[in-house]
Amino acid sequence: HSSDFDELKDPERARDELIRISLAYWGWLRAHPKHGAEARKMSLDEIKIHNGRREGWRLVGDVVLTVEDCRKGRIFPDAIATGGWHMDIHDPAGVTNPKGEGRWSKEILPLYTIPYRAIYSKNVPNLLMCGRGISVTHMAHGSTRLMGTVFAVGQAAGTAAALAVAEKLTPRELGRTRIGELQRQLL
């Protein structure tokens, strides 16, 4: 949706706006000159009513993965996952921007790695992060937030947690002393 209001302060408005946009797209598709006849044979069974924020929670690790790391295809020595989805950054004006298609960037990226230091907290000693909450910049998040990457980081966080418990180490200590073992287990 357009960002002319704060969805964190007014989540009901955000939900209503996203439902309105979904129904408008459905109507547009059904009226489409080329695809409308086929679309009219289909039914819209469900529209989710829970907001899925892309960047509601992001924590800071010992390393913050940047867009330049992604653009350069950086390979970190403590790599625990790979990324490479294009830079999917949405237009702040959303789908209501008459000059755009809802995205600012579709920049193609090379493969890059996500460092282990980006999935444990810089200031909470026993916290591993995964999913969309890892330590990345807004722009890098446009590539790391996709499901395949999220799954790989989740597997790394779970494997690291199990290894840290077994070795009685904090996540940071694990990264400093057992990163090779973690990487071997992930492979």
N, C-alpha and C. Protein backbone atom coordinates (compact mmCIF):
# COMPACT_ATOMS: atom_id res chain seq x y z
N HIS A 1 0.84 -1.18 0.00
CA HIS A 1 0.00 0.00 0.00
C HIS A 1 0.88 1.23 0.00
N SER A 2 0.27 2.36 -0.23
CA SER A 2 1.03 3.61 -0.19
C SER A 2 1.47 3.86 1.24
N SER A 3 2.55 4.57 1.40
CA SER A 3 3.05 4.80 2.75
C SER A 3 2.73 6.21 3.22
N ASP A 4 1.50 6.63 3.01
CA ASP A 4 1.10 7.96 3.47
C ASP A 4 0.57 7.91 4.91
N PHE A 5 0.70 6.73 5.56
CA PHE A 5 0.35 6.59 6.97
C PHE A 5 1.24 5.52 7.58
N ASP A 6 1.32 5.51 8.88
CA ASP A 6 2.18 4.57 9.60
C ASP A 6 1.41 3.30 9.92
N GLU A 7 1.75 2.21 9.25
CA GLU A 7 1.01 0.96 9.44
C GLU A 7 1.22 0.36 10.83
N LEU A 8 2.29 0.73 11.51
CA LEU A 8 2.49 0.24 12.87
C LEU A 8 1.55 0.94 13.85
N LYS A 9 1.26 2.21 13.57
CA LYS A 9 0.35 2.95 14.44
C LYS A 9 -1.12 2.72 14.08
N ASP A 10 -1.36 2.35 12.83
CA ASP A 10 -2.74 2.14 12.38
C ASP A 10 -2.84 0.84 11.57
N PRO A 11 -2.63 -0.30 12.23
CA PRO A 11 -2.63 -1.57 11.49
C PRO A 11 -3.97 -1.93 10.86
N GLU A 12 -5.07 -1.48 11.47
CA GLU A 12 -6.38 -1.76 10.88
C GLU A 12 -6.54 -1.05 9.54
N ARG A 13 -6.07 0.18 9.46
CA ARG A 13 -6.14 0.90 8.19
C ARG A 13 -5.27 0.19 7.14
N ALA A 14 -4.08 -0.26 7.55
CA ALA A 14 -3.21 -0.98 6.62
C ALA A 14 -3.90 -2.24 6.12
N ARG A 15 -4.50 -2.99 7.02
CA ARG A 15 -5.22 -4.22 6.64
C ARG A 15 -6.33 -3.89 5.65
N ASP A 16 -7.14 -2.89 5.98
CA ASP A 16 -8.26 -2.52 5.11
C ASP A 16 -7.78 -2.07 3.73
N GLU A 17 -6.70 -1.32 3.71
CA GLU A 17 -6.16 -0.85 2.43
C GLU A 17 -5.65 -2.02 1.59
N LEU A 18 -4.98 -2.98 2.22
CA LEU A 18 -4.47 -4.14 1.48
C LEU A 18 -5.61 -5.02 0.97
N ILE A 19 -6.68 -5.14 1.74
CA ILE A 19 -7.86 -5.88 1.26
C ILE A 19 -8.49 -5.15 0.08
N ARG A 20 -8.59 -3.82 0.17
CA ARG A 20 -9.14 -3.03 -0.92
C ARG A 20 -8.31 -3.22 -2.19
N ILE A 21 -6.97 -3.18 -2.06
CA ILE A 21 -6.08 -3.36 -3.21
C ILE A 21 -6.24 -4.77 -3.79
N SER A 22 -6.34 -5.77 -2.94
CA SER A 22 -6.52 -7.15 -3.42
C SER A 22 -7.80 -7.29 -4.21
N LEU A 23 -8.88 -6.74 -3.70
CA LEU A 23 -10.16 -6.82 -4.41
C LEU A 23 -10.14 -6.01 -5.71
N ALA A 24 -9.44 -4.89 -5.71
CA ALA A 24 -9.32 -4.10 -6.93
C ALA A 24 -8.54 -4.87 -7.99
N TYR A 25 -7.47 -5.54 -7.59
CA TYR A 25 -6.71 -6.35 -8.55
C TYR A 25 -7.57 -7.48 -9.10
N TRP A 26 -8.34 -8.12 -8.22
CA TRP A 26 -9.22 -9.21 -8.66
C TRP A 26 -10.23 -8.69 -9.69
N GLY A 27 -10.81 -7.53 -9.42
CA GLY A 27 -11.74 -6.93 -10.37
C GLY A 27 -11.06 -6.57 -11.68
N TRP A 28 -9.86 -6.03 -11.59
CA TRP A 28 -9.11 -5.68 -12.80
C TRP A 28 -8.83 -6.92 -13.64
N LEU A 29 -8.40 -8.00 -12.98
CA LEU A 29 -8.09 -9.23 -13.70
C LEU A 29 -9.32 -9.79 -14.39
N ARG A 30 -10.46 -9.78 -13.70
CA ARG A 30 -11.70 -10.32 -14.28
C ARG A 30 -12.19 -9.48 -15.46
N ALA A 31 -11.83 -8.20 -15.49
CA ALA A 31 -12.24 -7.32 -16.58
C ALA A 31 -11.18 -7.22 -17.68
N HIS A 32 -10.05 -7.87 -17.51
CA HIS A 32 -8.94 -7.77 -18.45
C HIS A 32 -9.35 -8.29 -19.83
N PRO A 33 -9.04 -7.55 -20.88
CA PRO A 33 -9.48 -7.98 -22.21
C PRO A 33 -8.90 -9.32 -22.66
N LYS A 34 -7.69 -9.63 -22.25
CA LYS A 34 -7.06 -10.89 -22.70
C LYS A 34 -7.34 -12.04 -21.74
N HIS A 35 -7.27 -11.80 -20.42
CA HIS A 35 -7.35 -12.87 -19.43
C HIS A 35 -8.67 -12.91 -18.67
N GLY A 36 -9.52 -11.92 -18.89
CA GLY A 36 -10.74 -11.79 -18.12
C GLY A 36 -11.68 -12.98 -18.22
N ALA A 37 -11.86 -13.52 -19.43
CA ALA A 37 -12.79 -14.64 -19.59
C ALA A 37 -12.35 -15.84 -18.75
N GLU A 38 -11.06 -16.11 -18.75
CA GLU A 38 -10.54 -17.23 -17.94
C GLU A 38 -10.66 -16.91 -16.45
N ALA A 39 -10.34 -15.68 -16.06
CA ALA A 39 -10.42 -15.29 -14.66
C ALA A 39 -11.86 -15.37 -14.14
N ARG A 40 -12.82 -15.06 -14.98
CA ARG A 40 -14.22 -15.11 -14.54
C ARG A 40 -14.70 -16.54 -14.27
N LYS A 41 -13.95 -17.55 -14.72
CA LYS A 41 -14.29 -18.95 -14.43
C LYS A 41 -13.75 -19.37 -13.07
N MET A 42 -12.91 -18.54 -12.48
CA MET A 42 -12.26 -18.86 -11.21
C MET A 42 -12.94 -18.14 -10.07
N SER A 43 -12.62 -18.58 -8.86
CA SER A 43 -13.17 -17.90 -7.69
C SER A 43 -12.04 -17.44 -6.78
N LEU A 44 -12.30 -16.36 -6.09
CA LEU A 44 -11.38 -15.86 -5.09
C LEU A 44 -11.82 -16.47 -3.76
N ASP A 45 -11.04 -17.42 -3.26
CA ASP A 45 -11.46 -18.17 -2.08
C ASP A 45 -11.09 -17.50 -0.76
N GLU A 46 -10.02 -16.74 -0.74
CA GLU A 46 -9.58 -16.22 0.55
C GLU A 46 -8.67 -15.01 0.35
N ILE A 47 -8.78 -14.07 1.24
CA ILE A 47 -7.83 -12.96 1.36
C ILE A 47 -7.39 -12.94 2.81
N LYS A 48 -6.12 -13.08 3.03
CA LYS A 48 -5.60 -13.05 4.40
C LYS A 48 -5.81 -11.66 5.00
N ILE A 49 -6.16 -11.62 6.26
CA ILE A 49 -6.44 -10.33 6.89
C ILE A 49 -5.37 -9.93 7.91
N HIS A 50 -4.28 -10.70 7.97
CA HIS A 50 -3.20 -10.35 8.90
C HIS A 50 -2.10 -9.65 8.12
N ASN A 51 -1.64 -8.54 8.64
CA ASN A 51 -0.56 -7.81 7.99
C ASN A 51 0.72 -8.61 8.07
N GLY A 52 1.44 -8.69 6.97
CA GLY A 52 2.75 -9.32 6.93
C GLY A 52 3.79 -8.26 6.68
N ARG A 53 4.33 -7.73 7.74
CA ARG A 53 5.31 -6.65 7.59
C ARG A 53 6.65 -7.22 7.18
N ARG A 54 7.25 -6.60 6.21
CA ARG A 54 8.56 -7.05 5.76
C ARG A 54 9.66 -6.69 6.75
N GLU A 55 9.54 -5.56 7.37
CA GLU A 55 10.64 -5.08 8.18
C GLU A 55 10.20 -4.63 9.56
N GLY A 56 9.25 -5.31 10.14
CA GLY A 56 8.79 -4.92 11.45
C GLY A 56 9.82 -5.15 12.54
N TRP A 57 10.63 -6.18 12.40
CA TRP A 57 11.62 -6.52 13.41
C TRP A 57 12.92 -6.87 12.72
N ARG A 58 13.95 -6.16 13.04
CA ARG A 58 15.27 -6.52 12.56
C ARG A 58 16.24 -6.22 13.68
N LEU A 59 17.07 -7.19 14.00
CA LEU A 59 18.01 -7.05 15.09
C LEU A 59 19.40 -6.84 14.54
N VAL A 60 20.32 -6.39 15.39
CA VAL A 60 21.68 -6.09 14.97
C VAL A 60 22.62 -7.15 15.51
N GLY A 61 23.41 -7.71 14.61
CA GLY A 61 24.42 -8.69 14.98
C GLY A 61 25.81 -8.08 14.98
N ASP A 62 26.82 -8.91 15.12
CA ASP A 62 28.20 -8.41 15.06
C ASP A 62 28.55 -7.91 13.67
N VAL A 63 27.82 -8.37 12.65
CA VAL A 63 27.98 -7.89 11.28
C VAL A 63 26.60 -7.50 10.76
N VAL A 64 26.54 -6.42 10.02
CA VAL A 64 25.32 -6.02 9.33
C VAL A 64 25.59 -6.22 7.84
N LEU A 65 24.88 -7.16 7.22
CA LEU A 65 25.03 -7.41 5.79
C LEU A 65 24.48 -6.21 5.03
N THR A 66 25.26 -5.67 4.11
CA THR A 66 24.86 -4.47 3.37
C THR A 66 24.53 -4.78 1.92
N VAL A 67 23.92 -3.82 1.26
CA VAL A 67 23.61 -3.98 -0.16
C VAL A 67 24.90 -4.13 -0.97
N GLU A 68 25.96 -3.47 -0.54
CA GLU A 68 27.22 -3.60 -1.27
C GLU A 68 27.78 -5.01 -1.14
N ASP A 69 27.62 -5.64 0.02
CA ASP A 69 28.03 -7.04 0.17
C ASP A 69 27.28 -7.91 -0.85
N CYS A 70 25.99 -7.65 -1.00
CA CYS A 70 25.17 -8.41 -1.94
C CYS A 70 25.59 -8.12 -3.38
N ARG A 71 25.76 -6.85 -3.71
CA ARG A 71 26.11 -6.46 -5.08
C ARG A 71 27.46 -7.02 -5.51
N LYS A 72 28.39 -7.11 -4.57
CA LYS A 72 29.73 -7.59 -4.89
C LYS A 72 29.84 -9.11 -4.82
N GLY A 73 28.76 -9.77 -4.41
CA GLY A 73 28.82 -11.23 -4.29
C GLY A 73 29.80 -11.65 -3.21
N ARG A 74 29.79 -10.94 -2.11
CA ARG A 74 30.78 -11.17 -1.04
C ARG A 74 30.63 -12.57 -0.46
N ILE A 75 31.76 -13.23 -0.30
CA ILE A 75 31.83 -14.55 0.32
C ILE A 75 32.50 -14.35 1.68
N PHE A 76 31.75 -14.56 2.74
CA PHE A 76 32.27 -14.38 4.10
C PHE A 76 32.92 -15.67 4.58
N PRO A 77 33.98 -15.56 5.37
CA PRO A 77 34.63 -16.79 5.89
C PRO A 77 33.73 -17.58 6.84
N ASP A 78 32.77 -16.91 7.45
CA ASP A 78 31.85 -17.60 8.37
C ASP A 78 30.47 -17.79 7.73
N ALA A 79 30.46 -18.01 6.41
CA ALA A 79 29.21 -18.17 5.67
C ALA A 79 28.38 -19.34 6.19
N ILE A 80 27.07 -19.10 6.35
CA ILE A 80 26.17 -20.16 6.80
C ILE A 80 24.98 -20.33 5.85
N ALA A 81 24.87 -19.48 4.85
CA ALA A 81 23.80 -19.59 3.86
C ALA A 81 24.19 -18.74 2.65
N THR A 82 23.52 -18.99 1.55
CA THR A 82 23.73 -18.16 0.37
C THR A 82 22.45 -17.40 0.04
N GLY A 83 22.65 -16.27 -0.61
CA GLY A 83 21.55 -15.48 -1.12
C GLY A 83 21.84 -15.16 -2.57
N GLY A 84 20.90 -14.54 -3.21
CA GLY A 84 21.11 -14.17 -4.60
C GLY A 84 19.84 -13.74 -5.30
N TRP A 85 18.73 -13.67 -4.55
CA TRP A 85 17.49 -13.18 -5.15
C TRP A 85 17.70 -11.73 -5.56
N HIS A 86 17.01 -11.29 -6.57
CA HIS A 86 17.18 -9.91 -7.02
C HIS A 86 16.81 -8.92 -5.90
N MET A 87 17.26 -7.70 -6.06
CA MET A 87 17.01 -6.66 -5.07
C MET A 87 15.56 -6.20 -5.22
N ASP A 88 14.69 -6.78 -4.44
CA ASP A 88 13.25 -6.54 -4.55
C ASP A 88 12.85 -5.47 -3.54
N ILE A 89 12.99 -4.22 -3.94
CA ILE A 89 12.69 -3.09 -3.07
C ILE A 89 11.41 -2.42 -3.57
N HIS A 90 10.44 -2.30 -2.70
CA HIS A 90 9.15 -1.76 -3.09
C HIS A 90 9.11 -0.24 -2.99
N ASP A 91 8.37 0.35 -3.87
CA ASP A 91 8.18 1.79 -3.94
C ASP A 91 7.44 2.27 -2.69
N PRO A 92 7.96 3.28 -1.98
CA PRO A 92 7.24 3.78 -0.80
C PRO A 92 5.83 4.26 -1.11
N ALA A 93 5.58 4.68 -2.34
CA ALA A 93 4.22 5.10 -2.71
C ALA A 93 3.34 3.90 -3.02
N GLY A 94 3.92 2.72 -2.99
CA GLY A 94 3.14 1.50 -3.19
C GLY A 94 2.51 1.42 -4.56
N VAL A 95 1.47 0.64 -4.67
CA VAL A 95 0.80 0.44 -5.95
C VAL A 95 0.05 1.67 -6.41
N THR A 96 -0.07 2.66 -5.53
CA THR A 96 -0.79 3.87 -5.92
C THR A 96 0.09 4.86 -6.67
N ASN A 97 1.38 4.57 -6.82
CA ASN A 97 2.27 5.47 -7.54
C ASN A 97 1.95 5.37 -9.03
N PRO A 98 1.43 6.45 -9.64
CA PRO A 98 1.04 6.37 -11.04
C PRO A 98 2.22 6.24 -11.99
N LYS A 99 3.44 6.52 -11.51
CA LYS A 99 4.62 6.45 -12.37
C LYS A 99 5.37 5.14 -12.24
N GLY A 100 4.91 4.25 -11.38
CA GLY A 100 5.67 3.02 -11.16
C GLY A 100 4.80 1.80 -11.22
N GLU A 101 5.40 0.69 -10.88
CA GLU A 101 4.67 -0.57 -10.82
C GLU A 101 4.71 -1.16 -9.42
N GLY A 102 5.04 -0.32 -8.44
CA GLY A 102 5.07 -0.77 -7.07
C GLY A 102 6.46 -1.15 -6.59
N ARG A 103 7.46 -1.10 -7.47
CA ARG A 103 8.82 -1.44 -7.05
C ARG A 103 9.80 -0.37 -7.50
N TRP A 104 10.80 -0.14 -6.69
CA TRP A 104 11.90 0.76 -7.06
C TRP A 104 12.97 0.00 -7.81
N SER A 105 13.24 -1.23 -7.37
CA SER A 105 14.39 -1.93 -7.89
C SER A 105 14.09 -3.39 -8.14
N LYS A 106 14.61 -3.89 -9.25
CA LYS A 106 14.60 -5.31 -9.54
C LYS A 106 16.02 -5.73 -9.91
N GLU A 107 16.99 -5.03 -9.33
CA GLU A 107 18.39 -5.25 -9.65
C GLU A 107 18.79 -6.71 -9.45
N ILE A 108 19.41 -7.29 -10.47
CA ILE A 108 19.87 -8.67 -10.40
C ILE A 108 21.20 -8.71 -9.63
N LEU A 109 21.31 -9.67 -8.73
CA LEU A 109 22.50 -9.80 -7.89
C LEU A 109 23.22 -11.10 -8.17
N PRO A 110 24.54 -11.13 -7.91
CA PRO A 110 25.25 -12.40 -7.96
C PRO A 110 24.97 -13.18 -6.68
N LEU A 111 25.39 -14.43 -6.64
CA LEU A 111 25.30 -15.17 -5.38
C LEU A 111 26.21 -14.52 -4.36
N TYR A 112 25.78 -14.48 -3.13
CA TYR A 112 26.57 -13.94 -2.02
C TYR A 112 26.30 -14.83 -0.81
N THR A 113 27.07 -14.65 0.23
CA THR A 113 26.83 -15.46 1.42
C THR A 113 26.36 -14.60 2.58
N ILE A 114 25.72 -15.24 3.51
CA ILE A 114 25.25 -14.59 4.73
C ILE A 114 26.16 -15.07 5.86
N PRO A 115 26.81 -14.14 6.54
CA PRO A 115 27.75 -14.54 7.59
C PRO A 115 27.04 -14.96 8.87
N TYR A 116 27.63 -15.91 9.55
CA TYR A 116 27.09 -16.34 10.84
C TYR A 116 26.95 -15.16 11.79
N ARG A 117 27.89 -14.21 11.74
CA ARG A 117 27.86 -13.06 12.65
C ARG A 117 26.63 -12.18 12.45
N ALA A 118 25.87 -12.39 11.37
CA ALA A 118 24.65 -11.62 11.14
C ALA A 118 23.41 -12.31 11.71
N ILE A 119 23.60 -13.50 12.32
CA ILE A 119 22.42 -14.19 12.85
C ILE A 119 22.45 -14.36 14.37
N TYR A 120 23.44 -13.78 15.03
CA TYR A 120 23.35 -13.72 16.49
C TYR A 120 23.41 -12.27 16.93
N SER A 121 22.82 -12.00 18.06
CA SER A 121 22.66 -10.63 18.54
C SER A 121 23.98 -10.03 19.02
N LYS A 122 24.15 -8.78 18.71
CA LYS A 122 25.32 -8.03 19.15
C LYS A 122 25.30 -7.80 20.67
N ASN A 123 24.11 -7.63 21.24
CA ASN A 123 24.04 -7.23 22.65
C ASN A 123 23.19 -8.14 23.53
N VAL A 124 22.57 -9.18 22.99
CA VAL A 124 21.85 -10.15 23.81
C VAL A 124 22.66 -11.45 23.70
N PRO A 125 23.32 -11.86 24.77
CA PRO A 125 24.32 -12.92 24.67
C PRO A 125 23.83 -14.28 24.17
N ASN A 126 22.58 -14.61 24.34
CA ASN A 126 22.13 -15.95 24.00
C ASN A 126 20.99 -15.93 22.99
N LEU A 127 21.10 -15.05 22.00
CA LEU A 127 20.02 -14.90 21.03
C LEU A 127 20.52 -15.14 19.61
N LEU A 128 19.93 -16.13 18.96
CA LEU A 128 20.15 -16.36 17.53
C LEU A 128 18.94 -15.84 16.78
N MET A 129 19.15 -15.31 15.58
CA MET A 129 18.09 -14.70 14.80
C MET A 129 17.98 -15.43 13.47
N CYS A 130 16.79 -15.46 12.94
CA CYS A 130 16.62 -16.03 11.61
C CYS A 130 15.40 -15.40 10.96
N GLY A 131 15.01 -15.90 9.82
CA GLY A 131 13.87 -15.34 9.11
C GLY A 131 14.19 -13.95 8.60
N ARG A 132 13.22 -13.07 8.72
CA ARG A 132 13.40 -11.71 8.23
C ARG A 132 14.04 -10.80 9.27
N GLY A 133 14.39 -11.35 10.42
CA GLY A 133 14.92 -10.54 11.51
C GLY A 133 16.43 -10.52 11.61
N ILE A 134 17.15 -10.99 10.60
CA ILE A 134 18.61 -11.03 10.70
C ILE A 134 19.21 -9.65 10.53
N SER A 135 20.49 -9.54 10.79
CA SER A 135 21.20 -8.27 10.79
C SER A 135 21.60 -7.86 9.37
N VAL A 136 20.70 -7.10 8.73
CA VAL A 136 20.93 -6.62 7.37
C VAL A 136 20.41 -5.19 7.26
N THR A 137 20.88 -4.47 6.25
CA THR A 137 20.34 -3.14 5.98
C THR A 137 19.00 -3.26 5.26
N HIS A 138 18.29 -2.15 5.16
CA HIS A 138 17.01 -2.12 4.46
C HIS A 138 17.16 -2.65 3.03
N MET A 139 18.17 -2.19 2.32
CA MET A 139 18.36 -2.61 0.93
C MET A 139 18.74 -4.08 0.83
N ALA A 140 19.65 -4.55 1.68
CA ALA A 140 20.03 -5.97 1.63
C ALA A 140 18.83 -6.85 1.97
N HIS A 141 17.96 -6.36 2.84
CA HIS A 141 16.76 -7.10 3.21
C HIS A 141 15.89 -7.40 2.00
N GLY A 142 15.94 -6.53 0.98
CA GLY A 142 15.19 -6.75 -0.24
C GLY A 142 15.56 -8.05 -0.94
N SER A 143 16.75 -8.58 -0.66
CA SER A 143 17.18 -9.85 -1.25
C SER A 143 17.14 -11.00 -0.25
N THR A 144 17.46 -10.73 1.01
CA THR A 144 17.56 -11.83 1.99
C THR A 144 16.22 -12.31 2.51
N ARG A 145 15.15 -11.58 2.30
CA ARG A 145 13.86 -11.91 2.91
C ARG A 145 13.09 -13.01 2.18
N LEU A 146 13.61 -13.52 1.08
CA LEU A 146 12.89 -14.52 0.29
C LEU A 146 12.98 -15.90 0.94
N MET A 147 11.98 -16.73 0.67
CA MET A 147 11.79 -17.98 1.41
C MET A 147 12.99 -18.92 1.39
N GLY A 148 13.60 -19.14 0.23
CA GLY A 148 14.72 -20.07 0.18
C GLY A 148 15.86 -19.63 1.09
N THR A 149 16.16 -18.35 1.05
CA THR A 149 17.22 -17.80 1.90
C THR A 149 16.81 -17.86 3.37
N VAL A 150 15.56 -17.51 3.64
CA VAL A 150 15.04 -17.56 5.01
C VAL A 150 15.13 -18.98 5.57
N PHE A 151 14.77 -19.97 4.75
CA PHE A 151 14.85 -21.37 5.20
C PHE A 151 16.28 -21.77 5.50
N ALA A 152 17.22 -21.40 4.62
CA ALA A 152 18.63 -21.76 4.83
C ALA A 152 19.17 -21.11 6.11
N VAL A 153 18.82 -19.85 6.34
CA VAL A 153 19.27 -19.17 7.56
C VAL A 153 18.62 -19.81 8.79
N GLY A 154 17.36 -20.20 8.69
CA GLY A 154 16.69 -20.88 9.80
C GLY A 154 17.35 -22.20 10.14
N GLN A 155 17.72 -22.95 9.10
CA GLN A 155 18.43 -24.21 9.34
C GLN A 155 19.77 -23.94 10.03
N ALA A 156 20.47 -22.91 9.60
CA ALA A 156 21.75 -22.57 10.21
C ALA A 156 21.57 -22.16 11.67
N ALA A 157 20.54 -21.37 11.95
CA ALA A 157 20.30 -20.93 13.34
C ALA A 157 19.96 -22.12 14.22
N GLY A 158 19.12 -23.02 13.73
CA GLY A 158 18.77 -24.22 14.52
C GLY A 158 19.96 -25.12 14.75
N THR A 159 20.76 -25.31 13.73
CA THR A 159 21.96 -26.15 13.86
C THR A 159 22.94 -25.50 14.82
N ALA A 160 23.11 -24.18 14.71
CA ALA A 160 24.01 -23.45 15.62
C ALA A 160 23.51 -23.54 17.06
N ALA A 161 22.21 -23.42 17.26
CA ALA A 161 21.65 -23.51 18.61
C ALA A 161 21.93 -24.88 19.22
N ALA A 162 21.72 -25.94 18.45
CA ALA A 162 21.97 -27.29 18.96
C ALA A 162 23.44 -27.48 19.29
N LEU A 163 24.31 -27.00 18.42
CA LEU A 163 25.75 -27.14 18.66
C LEU A 163 26.18 -26.30 19.86
N ALA A 164 25.66 -25.09 20.00
CA ALA A 164 26.00 -24.23 21.13
C ALA A 164 25.57 -24.86 22.45
N VAL A 165 24.39 -25.44 22.48
CA VAL A 165 23.92 -26.11 23.70
C VAL A 165 24.81 -27.30 24.02
N ALA A 166 25.12 -28.10 23.02
CA ALA A 166 25.95 -29.29 23.24
C ALA A 166 27.34 -28.92 23.74
N GLU A 167 27.87 -27.81 23.23
CA GLU A 167 29.23 -27.39 23.59
C GLU A 167 29.25 -26.39 24.75
N LYS A 168 28.06 -26.01 25.26
CA LYS A 168 27.93 -25.02 26.34
C LYS A 168 28.62 -23.70 25.97
N LEU A 169 28.28 -23.20 24.78
CA LEU A 169 28.86 -21.97 24.26
C LEU A 169 27.75 -20.97 23.95
N THR A 170 28.08 -19.69 24.03
CA THR A 170 27.15 -18.67 23.53
C THR A 170 27.24 -18.69 21.99
N PRO A 171 26.26 -18.12 21.31
CA PRO A 171 26.37 -18.06 19.85
C PRO A 171 27.65 -17.38 19.37
N ARG A 172 28.07 -16.31 20.01
CA ARG A 172 29.31 -15.62 19.62
C ARG A 172 30.52 -16.53 19.83
N GLU A 173 30.58 -17.20 20.97
CA GLU A 173 31.69 -18.12 21.23
C GLU A 173 31.72 -19.25 20.20
N LEU A 174 30.56 -19.74 19.85
CA LEU A 174 30.48 -20.79 18.83
C LEU A 174 31.09 -20.30 17.52
N GLY A 175 30.76 -19.08 17.13
CA GLY A 175 31.29 -18.52 15.89
C GLY A 175 32.79 -18.33 15.93
N ARG A 176 33.31 -18.03 17.10
CA ARG A 176 34.76 -17.81 17.22
C ARG A 176 35.55 -19.12 17.30
N THR A 177 34.93 -20.17 17.83
CA THR A 177 35.71 -21.39 18.08
C THR A 177 35.26 -22.62 17.28
N ARG A 178 34.03 -22.62 16.76
CA ARG A 178 33.51 -23.83 16.12
C ARG A 178 32.82 -23.55 14.77
N ILE A 179 33.17 -22.43 14.12
CA ILE A 179 32.48 -22.09 12.87
C ILE A 179 32.69 -23.17 11.81
N GLY A 180 33.89 -23.75 11.76
CA GLY A 180 34.16 -24.81 10.78
C GLY A 180 33.26 -26.02 11.01
N GLU A 181 33.07 -26.38 12.26
CA GLU A 181 32.19 -27.51 12.57
C GLU A 181 30.75 -27.21 12.18
N LEU A 182 30.29 -26.00 12.47
CA LEU A 182 28.93 -25.60 12.08
C LEU A 182 28.79 -25.66 10.55
N GLN A 183 29.76 -25.12 9.83
CA GLN A 183 29.69 -25.14 8.37
C GLN A 183 29.68 -26.56 7.83
N ARG A 184 30.46 -27.45 8.41
CA ARG A 184 30.47 -28.86 7.97
C ARG A 184 29.12 -29.51 8.20
N GLN A 185 28.52 -29.25 9.35
CA GLN A 185 27.19 -29.81 9.62
C GLN A 185 26.15 -29.28 8.62
N LEU A 186 26.24 -28.02 8.29
CA LEU A 186 25.29 -27.44 7.34
C LEU A 186 25.47 -28.03 5.94
N LEU A 187 26.71 -28.29 5.57
CA LEU A 187 26.95 -28.91 4.26
C LEU A 187 26.40 -30.33 4.24
